Protein backbone atom coordinates (compact mmCIF):
# COMPACT_ATOMS: atom_id res chain seq x y z
CA MET A 1 -28.38 36.84 69.04
CA ILE A 2 -27.66 39.49 66.45
CA PRO A 3 -25.54 42.30 67.99
CA ASP A 4 -27.51 45.45 68.80
CA THR A 5 -24.91 47.54 66.96
CA LEU A 6 -25.97 46.09 63.61
CA THR A 7 -28.54 48.03 61.64
CA PRO A 8 -30.64 46.35 58.94
CA LEU A 9 -29.46 46.72 55.36
CA GLU A 10 -31.67 46.50 52.34
CA PRO A 11 -31.81 43.12 50.57
CA ARG A 12 -28.87 42.23 48.36
CA LEU A 13 -28.57 40.09 45.26
CA PRO A 14 -29.55 36.50 46.09
CA GLY A 15 -26.35 35.13 44.52
CA ARG A 16 -24.25 36.67 47.29
CA GLU A 17 -22.51 33.93 49.31
CA CYS A 18 -22.24 34.33 53.07
CA THR A 19 -21.27 32.41 56.20
CA ALA A 20 -22.85 32.83 59.64
CA PHE A 21 -21.31 32.08 63.03
CA ALA A 22 -22.88 31.86 66.47
CA GLU A 23 -19.87 32.65 68.65
CA ALA A 24 -17.20 30.21 67.32
CA ARG A 25 -19.66 27.79 65.71
CA GLN A 26 -20.59 28.00 62.03
CA ILE A 27 -24.36 27.72 61.69
CA ALA A 28 -24.91 28.42 57.99
CA SER A 29 -23.07 28.99 54.73
CA GLY A 30 -24.32 29.60 51.20
CA PRO A 31 -26.50 32.07 49.31
CA LEU A 32 -27.66 35.07 51.31
CA THR A 33 -31.32 34.02 51.28
CA ALA A 34 -30.53 30.56 52.70
CA VAL A 35 -28.21 32.01 55.35
CA ALA A 36 -30.79 34.62 56.37
CA LEU A 37 -33.41 31.88 56.83
CA ALA A 38 -30.99 29.71 58.82
CA VAL A 39 -30.12 32.61 61.11
CA LYS A 40 -33.80 33.45 61.54
CA ARG A 41 -34.52 29.83 62.53
CA ALA A 42 -31.61 29.85 64.99
CA VAL A 43 -32.78 33.07 66.62
CA ASP A 44 -36.39 31.84 66.81
CA ALA A 45 -35.13 28.59 68.37
CA GLY A 46 -33.49 30.54 71.19
CA GLU A 47 -29.89 30.91 70.04
CA THR A 48 -28.24 33.09 72.70
CA GLY A 49 -24.73 33.41 71.24
CA THR A 50 -23.72 36.49 69.28
CA ILE A 51 -24.35 35.83 65.59
CA LEU A 52 -22.05 37.35 62.98
CA ILE A 53 -22.51 36.97 59.22
CA PHE A 54 -19.66 37.50 56.76
CA ASP A 55 -19.63 38.01 53.00
CA ASP A 56 -17.56 35.10 51.65
CA ALA A 57 -15.84 37.24 49.00
CA THR A 58 -14.72 40.09 51.26
CA SER A 59 -15.42 39.06 54.88
CA GLU A 60 -17.26 42.32 55.32
CA PRO A 61 -20.04 41.98 57.93
CA VAL A 62 -23.51 41.36 56.55
CA GLU A 63 -26.39 42.92 58.44
CA LEU A 64 -29.77 41.21 58.31
CA ASP A 65 -33.29 42.40 58.97
CA LEU A 66 -34.97 39.39 60.61
CA ARG A 67 -38.28 41.03 61.50
CA GLY A 68 -41.44 39.09 60.84
CA SER A 69 -41.91 35.47 59.83
CA LEU A 70 -39.69 33.14 57.84
CA ALA A 71 -41.76 34.02 54.79
CA ASP A 72 -41.15 37.72 55.43
CA VAL A 73 -37.39 37.18 55.66
CA GLU A 74 -37.36 35.04 52.53
CA ALA A 75 -39.30 37.66 50.58
CA ARG A 76 -36.97 40.37 51.85
CA TYR A 77 -33.79 38.63 50.62
CA ALA A 78 -34.97 36.54 47.68
CA GLY A 79 -34.99 39.20 44.94
CA PRO A 80 -32.39 41.55 43.46
CA VAL A 81 -32.47 45.23 44.35
CA VAL A 82 -31.26 47.94 42.00
CA GLU A 83 -30.95 51.70 42.19
CA THR A 84 -33.33 53.98 40.34
CA ASP A 85 -32.24 57.18 38.61
CA SER A 86 -33.19 59.07 41.79
CA GLY A 87 -30.83 56.93 43.87
CA GLN A 88 -33.66 54.94 45.48
CA ARG A 89 -33.53 51.16 45.48
CA ARG A 90 -36.33 49.03 44.06
CA PRO A 91 -36.88 45.40 43.04
CA GLY A 92 -35.91 44.53 39.51
CA ARG A 93 -33.02 43.88 37.17
CA PRO A 94 -30.03 46.20 37.32
CA LYS A 95 -29.64 48.66 34.46
CA LEU A 96 -26.81 47.92 32.08
CA GLY A 97 -24.52 50.56 30.65
CA VAL A 98 -21.81 52.99 31.55
CA VAL A 99 -21.65 55.05 34.73
CA ALA A 100 -20.48 58.66 34.66
CA LYS A 101 -18.00 59.61 37.40
CA GLU A 102 -15.31 62.23 37.70
CA VAL A 103 -11.74 61.39 36.65
CA THR A 104 -8.92 63.81 37.45
CA LEU A 105 -5.93 63.81 35.07
CA LEU A 106 -3.16 66.18 34.08
CA PRO A 107 -3.61 68.17 30.85
CA ARG A 108 -1.06 66.03 28.99
CA HIS A 109 -3.05 62.92 29.92
CA TRP A 110 -6.27 64.41 28.53
CA ASP A 111 -4.43 65.51 25.38
CA TRP A 112 -3.16 61.97 24.80
CA LEU A 113 -6.54 60.38 25.53
CA ASN A 114 -8.39 62.73 23.21
CA ARG A 115 -6.03 61.84 20.34
CA GLN A 116 -6.84 58.13 20.62
CA PRO A 117 -9.41 56.43 18.36
CA GLY A 118 -12.80 56.62 20.04
CA GLY A 119 -11.81 59.42 22.38
CA ALA A 120 -11.04 59.50 26.08
CA SER A 121 -13.89 57.33 27.39
CA VAL A 122 -13.32 54.44 24.98
CA THR A 123 -9.57 54.52 25.58
CA LEU A 124 -9.95 54.57 29.37
CA ARG A 125 -12.31 51.59 29.25
CA LYS A 126 -9.81 49.65 27.12
CA LEU A 127 -6.94 50.51 29.48
CA VAL A 128 -8.94 49.42 32.51
CA GLU A 129 -9.89 46.10 30.88
CA GLU A 130 -6.28 45.44 29.87
CA ALA A 131 -5.10 46.20 33.42
CA ARG A 132 -7.78 43.93 34.87
CA ARG A 133 -6.68 41.03 32.68
CA ALA A 134 -2.98 41.60 33.35
CA ASN A 135 -3.46 41.81 37.12
CA ALA A 136 -6.26 39.27 37.55
CA SER A 137 -4.17 36.67 39.38
CA ALA A 138 -2.49 39.18 41.70
CA ASP A 139 -5.83 40.85 42.41
CA LEU A 140 -7.42 37.52 43.37
CA LYS A 141 -4.58 36.76 45.77
CA ARG A 142 -4.76 40.19 47.35
CA GLN A 143 -8.54 40.00 47.73
CA ALA A 144 -8.28 36.53 49.29
CA ARG A 145 -5.57 37.69 51.68
CA ASP A 146 -7.57 40.75 52.69
CA ALA A 147 -10.74 38.70 53.20
CA ALA A 148 -8.90 36.15 55.34
CA TYR A 149 -7.27 38.89 57.41
CA ARG A 150 -10.58 40.70 57.93
CA PHE A 151 -12.25 37.48 59.09
CA MET A 152 -9.32 36.52 61.32
CA THR A 153 -9.30 39.92 62.99
CA ALA A 154 -13.02 39.67 63.76
CA MET A 155 -13.13 36.02 64.85
CA ALA A 156 -9.62 34.93 65.88
CA GLY A 157 -8.02 38.11 67.17
CA ASN A 158 -7.86 36.70 70.71
CA GLU A 159 -6.90 33.16 69.70
CA PRO A 160 -3.42 31.72 70.31
CA GLY A 161 -1.08 32.17 67.37
CA TYR A 162 -3.13 34.94 65.77
CA GLU A 163 -0.21 37.32 65.23
CA GLU A 164 2.09 34.66 63.80
CA ALA A 165 -0.68 33.30 61.58
CA THR A 166 -1.24 36.84 60.30
CA ARG A 167 2.45 37.19 59.53
CA GLY A 168 2.31 33.90 57.64
CA LEU A 169 -0.72 35.10 55.67
CA PHE A 170 0.96 38.31 54.52
CA ALA A 171 4.25 36.51 53.84
CA GLY A 172 2.50 33.96 51.63
CA ASP A 173 3.71 31.17 53.95
CA ALA A 174 0.93 28.57 54.07
CA THR A 175 2.77 26.26 56.48
CA ARG A 176 3.39 29.05 58.98
CA PHE A 177 -0.24 30.13 58.70
CA ALA A 178 -1.49 26.60 59.27
CA THR A 179 0.88 25.88 62.16
CA HIS A 180 -0.17 28.92 64.15
CA SER A 181 -3.90 28.54 63.47
CA ARG A 182 -4.05 24.89 64.49
CA LEU A 183 -5.41 25.59 68.01
CA TRP A 184 -8.25 27.85 66.87
CA PRO A 185 -11.86 26.68 67.22
CA PRO A 186 -12.44 24.17 64.39
CA ASP A 187 -15.06 26.15 62.43
CA ILE A 188 -13.10 29.40 62.63
CA ARG A 189 -9.89 27.64 61.64
CA ALA A 190 -11.54 25.90 58.68
CA HIS A 191 -13.15 29.08 57.34
CA ALA A 192 -9.97 31.14 57.72
CA ARG A 193 -7.97 28.50 55.86
CA LYS A 194 -10.58 28.29 53.13
CA LEU A 195 -10.46 32.05 52.64
CA ALA A 196 -6.65 32.09 52.62
CA SER A 197 -6.23 29.19 50.20
CA THR A 198 -6.35 31.43 47.11
CA ALA A 199 -3.74 33.76 48.60
CA PHE A 200 -1.42 30.74 48.93
CA ASP A 201 -2.24 29.29 45.48
CA LEU A 202 -3.69 26.24 47.20
CA PRO A 203 -6.86 24.31 46.31
CA GLY A 204 -9.92 25.58 48.19
CA GLY A 205 -9.65 24.73 51.86
CA ALA A 206 -6.05 23.47 51.71
CA SER A 207 -3.96 24.57 54.67
CA GLY A 208 -0.34 23.73 53.99
CA GLU A 209 -0.35 20.86 56.46
CA GLU A 210 -2.62 18.04 57.57
CA GLN A 211 -5.43 19.42 59.67
CA PRO A 212 -5.65 18.23 63.26
CA ARG A 213 -8.15 15.54 64.08
């Protein structure tokens, strides 16, 4: 069952990839709409285990509104939702363009920015894009590590070897991570290793050692 502490979120973009677990068993993985339908079917079929859904990119929990029929759930999660100018969300395509937010800098920073061709806004956008390109690989590794850690904490925190596997994850030691996660429930182990593979510069799902049979 879905934990009572979860509150329904509004539908998200259908391209969002998620994975659902009933206790330690993976029951669905893929686009949000497909996972929502699979979870709805499991609940309607009498699934009694606690169901948790994770965003594949971040391992943040995903909260689903499963009220109504399968058709209701599909309609709820099949279309993109964007914010209106008033802050309300409505179906439709997201607006493209810049977003105005406050940036706090020292006077000398503003002076330098204002002297650049195009002014402060154009220069800041260029600097951000250059930093994104320069740090893309490191950012991917950090995001993968954080996602793996978040999932491990939620699903494997009481499993044997959790602390040592965590140390291996943050040390970039794939063999240590794999060795100390080998006794975890198979679906949890496989998903944690898949998430961590980018942090270790390994192909998706690789673990640093042969997985147990």
